[in-house]
Amino acid sequence: GCYVPVPGINTDVFSNAIESNTFLELMNS
């Protein structure tokens, strides 16, 4: 389920937005 993509998401932009925040990066790990 962690690899099932959601249609229409720009993963590159979404990833940069998440990794720019310390707490969200923790949640991502």
PDB file of all heavy atoms in Angstrom:
ATOM      1  N   GLY A   1       0.809  -1.218   0.000  1.00  0.00           N
ATOM      2  CA  GLY A   1       0.000   0.000   0.000  1.00  0.00           C
ATOM      3  C   GLY A   1       0.839   1.262   0.000  1.00  0.00           C
ATOM      4  O   GLY A   1       0.400   2.311  -0.502  1.00  0.00           O
ATOM      5  N   CYS A   2       2.065   1.177   0.540  1.00  0.00           N
ATOM      6  CA  CYS A   2       2.962   2.339   0.552  1.00  0.00           C
ATOM      7  C   CYS A   2       3.499   2.671  -0.832  1.00  0.00           C
ATOM      8  O   CYS A   2       4.113   3.721  -1.023  1.00  0.00           O
ATOM      9  CB  CYS A   2       4.130   2.099   1.512  1.00  0.00           C
ATOM     10  SG  CYS A   2       3.667   2.062   3.256  1.00  0.00           S
ATOM     11  N   TYR A   3       3.308   1.766  -1.804  1.00  0.00           N
ATOM     12  CA  TYR A   3       3.774   1.999  -3.161  1.00  0.00           C
ATOM     13  C   TYR A   3       2.629   2.204  -4.146  1.00  0.00           C
ATOM     14  O   TYR A   3       2.882   2.402  -5.332  1.00  0.00           O
ATOM     15  CB  TYR A   3       4.638   0.828  -3.633  1.00  0.00           C
ATOM     16  CG  TYR A   3       5.998   0.786  -2.988  1.00  0.00           C
ATOM     17  CD1 TYR A   3       6.230  -0.008  -1.868  1.00  0.00           C
ATOM     18  CD2 TYR A   3       7.052   1.549  -3.481  1.00  0.00           C
ATOM     19  CE1 TYR A   3       7.475  -0.050  -1.264  1.00  0.00           C
ATOM     20  CE2 TYR A   3       8.301   1.513  -2.888  1.00  0.00           C
ATOM     21  CZ  TYR A   3       8.505   0.715  -1.775  1.00  0.00           C
ATOM     22  OH  TYR A   3       9.736   0.679  -1.171  1.00  0.00           O
ATOM     23  N   VAL A   4       1.379   2.133  -3.674  1.00  0.00           N
ATOM     24  CA  VAL A   4       0.231   2.343  -4.560  1.00  0.00           C
ATOM     25  C   VAL A   4       0.117   3.838  -4.857  1.00  0.00           C
ATOM     26  O   VAL A   4      -0.135   4.637  -3.943  1.00  0.00           O
ATOM     27  CB  VAL A   4      -1.067   1.824  -3.921  1.00  0.00           C
ATOM     28  CG1 VAL A   4      -2.275   2.155  -4.803  1.00  0.00           C
ATOM     29  CG2 VAL A   4      -0.976   0.323  -3.688  1.00  0.00           C
ATOM     30  N   PRO A   5       0.303   4.278  -6.084  1.00  0.00           N
ATOM     31  CA  PRO A   5       0.294   5.720  -6.382  1.00  0.00           C
ATOM     32  C   PRO A   5      -1.120   6.291  -6.379  1.00  0.00           C
ATOM     33  O   PRO A   5      -2.099   5.588  -6.655  1.00  0.00           O
ATOM     34  CB  PRO A   5       0.899   5.786  -7.789  1.00  0.00           C
ATOM     35  CG  PRO A   5       0.557   4.464  -8.405  1.00  0.00           C
ATOM     36  CD  PRO A   5       0.565   3.458  -7.283  1.00  0.00           C
ATOM     37  N   VAL A   6      -1.216   7.554  -6.046  1.00  0.00           N
ATOM     38  CA  VAL A   6      -2.478   8.292  -6.123  1.00  0.00           C
ATOM     39  C   VAL A   6      -2.458   9.086  -7.419  1.00  0.00           C
ATOM     40  O   VAL A   6      -1.507   9.834  -7.678  1.00  0.00           O
ATOM     41  CB  VAL A   6      -2.651   9.227  -4.916  1.00  0.00           C
ATOM     42  CG1 VAL A   6      -3.926  10.051  -5.050  1.00  0.00           C
ATOM     43  CG2 VAL A   6      -2.692   8.410  -3.631  1.00  0.00           C
ATOM     44  N   PRO A   7      -3.474   8.941  -8.269  1.00  0.00           N
ATOM     45  CA  PRO A   7      -3.452   9.605  -9.584  1.00  0.00           C
ATOM     46  C   PRO A   7      -3.346  11.123  -9.474  1.00  0.00           C
ATOM     47  O   PRO A   7      -3.989  11.744  -8.628  1.00  0.00           O
ATOM     48  CB  PRO A   7      -4.805   9.197 -10.201  1.00  0.00           C
ATOM     49  CG  PRO A   7      -5.215   7.959  -9.467  1.00  0.00           C
ATOM     50  CD  PRO A   7      -4.674   8.108  -8.079  1.00  0.00           C
ATOM     51  N   GLY A   8      -2.513  11.692 -10.337  1.00  0.00           N
ATOM     52  CA  GLY A   8      -2.433  13.144 -10.442  1.00  0.00           C
ATOM     53  C   GLY A   8      -1.470  13.819  -9.511  1.00  0.00           C
ATOM     54  O   GLY A   8      -1.382  15.046  -9.502  1.00  0.00           O
ATOM     55  N   ILE A   9      -0.697  13.052  -8.712  1.00  0.00           N
ATOM     56  CA  ILE A   9       0.240  13.661  -7.770  1.00  0.00           C
ATOM     57  C   ILE A   9       1.601  13.825  -8.440  1.00  0.00           C
ATOM     58  O   ILE A   9       2.152  12.873  -9.004  1.00  0.00           O
ATOM     59  CB  ILE A   9       0.389  12.802  -6.500  1.00  0.00           C
ATOM     60  CG1 ILE A   9      -0.879  12.884  -5.657  1.00  0.00           C
ATOM     61  CG2 ILE A   9       1.576  13.248  -5.668  1.00  0.00           C
ATOM     62  CD1 ILE A   9      -1.105  14.244  -5.026  1.00  0.00           C
ATOM     63  N   ASN A  10       2.146  15.032  -8.380  1.00  0.00           N
ATOM     64  CA  ASN A  10       3.500  15.296  -8.843  1.00  0.00           C
ATOM     65  C   ASN A  10       4.454  14.916  -7.709  1.00  0.00           C
ATOM     66  O   ASN A  10       4.700  15.685  -6.792  1.00  0.00           O
ATOM     67  CB  ASN A  10       3.660  16.770  -9.207  1.00  0.00           C
ATOM     68  CG  ASN A  10       4.975  17.056  -9.912  1.00  0.00           C
ATOM     69  OD1 ASN A  10       5.945  16.322  -9.766  1.00  0.00           O
ATOM     70  ND2 ASN A  10       5.005  18.130 -10.684  1.00  0.00           N
ATOM     71  N   THR A  11       4.978  13.704  -7.765  1.00  0.00           N
ATOM     72  CA  THR A  11       5.753  13.164  -6.642  1.00  0.00           C
ATOM     73  C   THR A  11       7.025  13.967  -6.374  1.00  0.00           C
ATOM     74  O   THR A  11       7.439  14.090  -5.213  1.00  0.00           O
ATOM     75  CB  THR A  11       6.111  11.694  -6.907  1.00  0.00           C
ATOM     76  OG1 THR A  11       6.809  11.580  -8.151  1.00  0.00           O
ATOM     77  CG2 THR A  11       4.858  10.836  -6.956  1.00  0.00           C
ATOM     78  N   ASP A  12       7.650  14.511  -7.420  1.00  0.00           N
ATOM     79  CA  ASP A  12       8.883  15.276  -7.213  1.00  0.00           C
ATOM     80  C   ASP A  12       8.617  16.535  -6.390  1.00  0.00           C
ATOM     81  O   ASP A  12       9.334  16.833  -5.428  1.00  0.00           O
ATOM     82  CB  ASP A  12       9.493  15.653  -8.563  1.00  0.00           C
ATOM     83  CG  ASP A  12       9.991  14.439  -9.328  1.00  0.00           C
ATOM     84  OD1 ASP A  12      10.320  13.434  -8.669  1.00  0.00           O
ATOM     85  OD2 ASP A  12      10.038  14.497 -10.573  1.00  0.00           O
ATOM     86  N   VAL A  13       7.580  17.294  -6.766  1.00  0.00           N
ATOM     87  CA  VAL A  13       7.236  18.511  -6.026  1.00  0.00           C
ATOM     88  C   VAL A  13       6.747  18.169  -4.631  1.00  0.00           C
ATOM     89  O   VAL A  13       7.094  18.827  -3.643  1.00  0.00           O
ATOM     90  CB  VAL A  13       6.165  19.315  -6.790  1.00  0.00           C
ATOM     91  CG1 VAL A  13       5.776  20.572  -6.028  1.00  0.00           C
ATOM     92  CG2 VAL A  13       6.683  19.688  -8.179  1.00  0.00           C
ATOM     93  N   PHE A  14       5.932  17.123  -4.539  1.00  0.00           N
ATOM     94  CA  PHE A  14       5.401  16.710  -3.238  1.00  0.00           C
ATOM     95  C   PHE A  14       6.538  16.286  -2.304  1.00  0.00           C
ATOM     96  O   PHE A  14       6.555  16.637  -1.123  1.00  0.00           O
ATOM     97  CB  PHE A  14       4.419  15.552  -3.440  1.00  0.00           C
ATOM     98  CG  PHE A  14       3.468  15.350  -2.299  1.00  0.00           C
ATOM     99  CD1 PHE A  14       2.270  16.038  -2.233  1.00  0.00           C
ATOM    100  CD2 PHE A  14       3.766  14.464  -1.275  1.00  0.00           C
ATOM    101  CE1 PHE A  14       1.394  15.856  -1.175  1.00  0.00           C
ATOM    102  CE2 PHE A  14       2.900  14.270  -0.218  1.00  0.00           C
ATOM    103  CZ  PHE A  14       1.706  14.970  -0.170  1.00  0.00           C
ATOM    104  N   SER A  15       7.499  15.546  -2.840  1.00  0.00           N
ATOM    105  CA  SER A  15       8.637  15.083  -2.036  1.00  0.00           C
ATOM    106  C   SER A  15       9.475  16.262  -1.549  1.00  0.00           C
ATOM    107  O   SER A  15       9.882  16.310  -0.378  1.00  0.00           O
ATOM    108  CB  SER A  15       9.497  14.126  -2.857  1.00  0.00           C
ATOM    109  OG  SER A  15      10.624  13.714  -2.133  1.00  0.00           O
ATOM    110  N   ASN A  16       9.738  17.235  -2.422  1.00  0.00           N
ATOM    111  CA  ASN A  16      10.515  18.413  -2.011  1.00  0.00           C
ATOM    112  C   ASN A  16       9.796  19.208  -0.941  1.00  0.00           C
ATOM    113  O   ASN A  16      10.419  19.745  -0.012  1.00  0.00           O
ATOM    114  CB  ASN A  16      10.793  19.297  -3.228  1.00  0.00           C
ATOM    115  CG  ASN A  16      11.720  18.639  -4.221  1.00  0.00           C
ATOM    116  OD1 ASN A  16      12.543  17.798  -3.857  1.00  0.00           O
ATOM    117  ND2 ASN A  16      11.593  19.004  -5.494  1.00  0.00           N
ATOM    118  N   ALA A  17       8.468  19.304  -1.049  1.00  0.00           N
ATOM    119  CA  ALA A  17       7.699  20.052  -0.066  1.00  0.00           C
ATOM    120  C   ALA A  17       7.737  19.371   1.287  1.00  0.00           C
ATOM    121  O   ALA A  17       7.833  20.021   2.343  1.00  0.00           O
ATOM    122  CB  ALA A  17       6.252  20.208  -0.541  1.00  0.00           C
ATOM    123  N   ILE A  18       7.659  18.027   1.311  1.00  0.00           N
ATOM    124  CA  ILE A  18       7.680  17.273   2.564  1.00  0.00           C
ATOM    125  C   ILE A  18       9.057  17.343   3.209  1.00  0.00           C
ATOM    126  O   ILE A  18       9.199  17.591   4.411  1.00  0.00           O
ATOM    127  CB  ILE A  18       7.270  15.812   2.332  1.00  0.00           C
ATOM    128  CG1 ILE A  18       5.806  15.719   1.881  1.00  0.00           C
ATOM    129  CG2 ILE A  18       7.477  14.980   3.592  1.00  0.00           C
ATOM    130  CD1 ILE A  18       4.801  16.199   2.883  1.00  0.00           C
ATOM    131  N   GLU A  19      10.097  17.130   2.418  1.00  0.00           N
ATOM    132  CA  GLU A  19      11.451  17.068   2.974  1.00  0.00           C
ATOM    133  C   GLU A  19      11.975  18.422   3.414  1.00  0.00           C
ATOM    134  O   GLU A  19      12.998  18.498   4.097  1.00  0.00           O
ATOM    135  CB  GLU A  19      12.401  16.460   1.929  1.00  0.00           C
ATOM    136  CG  GLU A  19      12.107  14.988   1.646  1.00  0.00           C
ATOM    137  CD  GLU A  19      12.987  14.418   0.560  1.00  0.00           C
ATOM    138  OE1 GLU A  19      13.766  15.214  -0.014  1.00  0.00           O
ATOM    139  OE2 GLU A  19      12.897  13.211   0.282  1.00  0.00           O
ATOM    140  N   SER A  20      11.297  19.498   3.045  1.00  0.00           N
ATOM    141  CA  SER A  20      11.730  20.832   3.482  1.00  0.00           C
ATOM    142  C   SER A  20      11.291  21.135   4.906  1.00  0.00           C
ATOM    143  O   SER A  20      11.712  22.139   5.475  1.00  0.00           O
ATOM    144  CB  SER A  20      11.164  21.901   2.541  1.00  0.00           C
ATOM    145  OG  SER A  20       9.745  21.920   2.591  1.00  0.00           O
ATOM    146  N   ASN A  21      10.444  20.271   5.498  1.00  0.00           N
ATOM    147  CA  ASN A  21       9.974  20.482   6.862  1.00  0.00           C
ATOM    148  C   ASN A  21      10.513  19.378   7.756  1.00  0.00           C
ATOM    149  O   ASN A  21      10.404  18.189   7.436  1.00  0.00           O
ATOM    150  CB  ASN A  21       8.439  20.491   6.888  1.00  0.00           C
ATOM    151  CG  ASN A  21       7.880  20.788   8.277  1.00  0.00           C
ATOM    152  OD1 ASN A  21       7.706  19.893   9.078  1.00  0.00           O
ATOM    153  ND2 ASN A  21       7.619  22.060   8.547  1.00  0.00           N
ATOM    154  N   THR A  22      11.097  19.753   8.894  1.00  0.00           N
ATOM    155  CA  THR A  22      11.749  18.782   9.776  1.00  0.00           C
ATOM    156  C   THR A  22      10.775  17.752  10.316  1.00  0.00           C
ATOM    157  O   THR A  22      11.042  16.543  10.310  1.00  0.00           O
ATOM    158  CB  THR A  22      12.430  19.505  10.945  1.00  0.00           C
ATOM    159  OG1 THR A  22      13.307  20.504  10.439  1.00  0.00           O
ATOM    160  CG2 THR A  22      13.217  18.527  11.805  1.00  0.00           C
ATOM    161  N   PHE A  23       9.612  18.220  10.798  1.00  0.00           N
ATOM    162  CA  PHE A  23       8.649  17.302  11.403  1.00  0.00           C
ATOM    163  C   PHE A  23       8.035  16.369  10.352  1.00  0.00           C
ATOM    164  O   PHE A  23       7.865  15.177  10.592  1.00  0.00           O
ATOM    165  CB  PHE A  23       7.547  18.085  12.118  1.00  0.00           C
ATOM    166  CG  PHE A  23       6.557  17.211  12.832  1.00  0.00           C
ATOM    167  CD1 PHE A  23       6.933  16.486  13.940  1.00  0.00           C
ATOM    168  CD2 PHE A  23       5.249  17.106  12.380  1.00  0.00           C
ATOM    169  CE1 PHE A  23       6.025  15.671  14.600  1.00  0.00           C
ATOM    170  CE2 PHE A  23       4.335  16.301  13.032  1.00  0.00           C
ATOM    171  CZ  PHE A  23       4.725  15.585  14.155  1.00  0.00           C
ATOM    172  N   LEU A  24       7.717  16.913   9.177  1.00  0.00           N
ATOM    173  CA  LEU A  24       7.153  16.077   8.127  1.00  0.00           C
ATOM    174  C   LEU A  24       8.182  15.076   7.609  1.00  0.00           C
ATOM    175  O   LEU A  24       7.825  13.961   7.211  1.00  0.00           O
ATOM    176  CB  LEU A  24       6.634  16.944   6.979  1.00  0.00           C
ATOM    177  CG  LEU A  24       5.411  17.810   7.294  1.00  0.00           C
ATOM    178  CD1 LEU A  24       5.009  18.643   6.086  1.00  0.00           C
ATOM    179  CD2 LEU A  24       4.230  16.940   7.745  1.00  0.00           C
ATOM    180  N   GLU A  25       9.449  15.452   7.638  1.00  0.00           N
ATOM    181  CA  GLU A  25      10.500  14.516   7.243  1.00  0.00           C
ATOM    182  C   GLU A  25      10.589  13.369   8.244  1.00  0.00           C
ATOM    183  O   GLU A  25      10.818  12.214   7.874  1.00  0.00           O
ATOM    184  CB  GLU A  25      11.846  15.239   7.149  1.00  0.00           C
ATOM    185  CG  GLU A  25      12.954  14.381   6.579  1.00  0.00           C
ATOM    186  CD  GLU A  25      14.259  15.139   6.438  1.00  0.00           C
ATOM    187  OE1 GLU A  25      14.275  16.343   6.760  1.00  0.00           O
ATOM    188  OE2 GLU A  25      15.243  14.528   6.013  1.00  0.00           O
ATOM    189  N   LEU A  26      10.386  13.686   9.543  1.00  0.00           N
ATOM    190  CA  LEU A  26      10.341  12.640  10.565  1.00  0.00           C
ATOM    191  C   LEU A  26       9.170  11.702  10.315  1.00  0.00           C
ATOM    192  O   LEU A  26       9.313  10.474  10.375  1.00  0.00           O
ATOM    193  CB  LEU A  26      10.224  13.275  11.956  1.00  0.00           C
ATOM    194  CG  LEU A  26       9.930  12.326  13.128  1.00  0.00           C
ATOM    195  CD1 LEU A  26      11.062  11.322  13.288  1.00  0.00           C
ATOM    196  CD2 LEU A  26       9.716  13.117  14.410  1.00  0.00           C
ATOM    197  N   MET A  27       8.002  12.260  10.025  1.00  0.00           N
ATOM    198  CA  MET A  27       6.832  11.435   9.727  1.00  0.00           C
ATOM    199  C   MET A  27       7.052  10.604   8.457  1.00  0.00           C
ATOM    200  O   MET A  27       6.570   9.472   8.353  1.00  0.00           O
ATOM    201  CB  MET A  27       5.606  12.321   9.557  1.00  0.00           C
ATOM    202  CG  MET A  27       5.137  13.019  10.828  1.00  0.00           C
ATOM    203  SD  MET A  27       4.588  11.861  12.114  1.00  0.00           S
ATOM    204  CE  MET A  27       6.054  11.803  13.188  1.00  0.00           C
ATOM    205  N   ASN A  28       7.811  11.153   7.506  1.00  0.00           N
ATOM    206  CA  ASN A  28       8.094  10.420   6.277  1.00  0.00           C
ATOM    207  C   ASN A  28       8.955   9.193   6.557  1.00  0.00           C
ATOM    208  O   ASN A  28       8.733   8.125   5.976  1.00  0.00           O
ATOM    209  CB  ASN A  28       8.800  11.338   5.276  1.00  0.00           C
ATOM    210  CG  ASN A  28       9.149  10.633   3.984  1.00  0.00           C
ATOM    211  OD1 ASN A  28       8.301  10.032   3.338  1.00  0.00           O
ATOM    212  ND2 ASN A  28      10.415  10.699   3.610  1.00  0.00           N
ATOM    213  N   SER A  29       9.923   9.323   7.471  1.00  0.00           N
ATOM    214  CA  SER A  29      10.762   8.169   7.816  1.00  0.00           C
ATOM    215  C   SER A  29       9.958   7.093   8.529  1.00  0.00           C
ATOM    216  O   SER A  29      10.215   5.898   8.361  1.00  0.00           O
ATOM    217  CB  SER A  29      11.936   8.615   8.693  1.00  0.00           C
ATOM    218  OG  SER A  29      11.479   9.094   9.948  1.00  0.00           O
TER     219      SER A  29
END
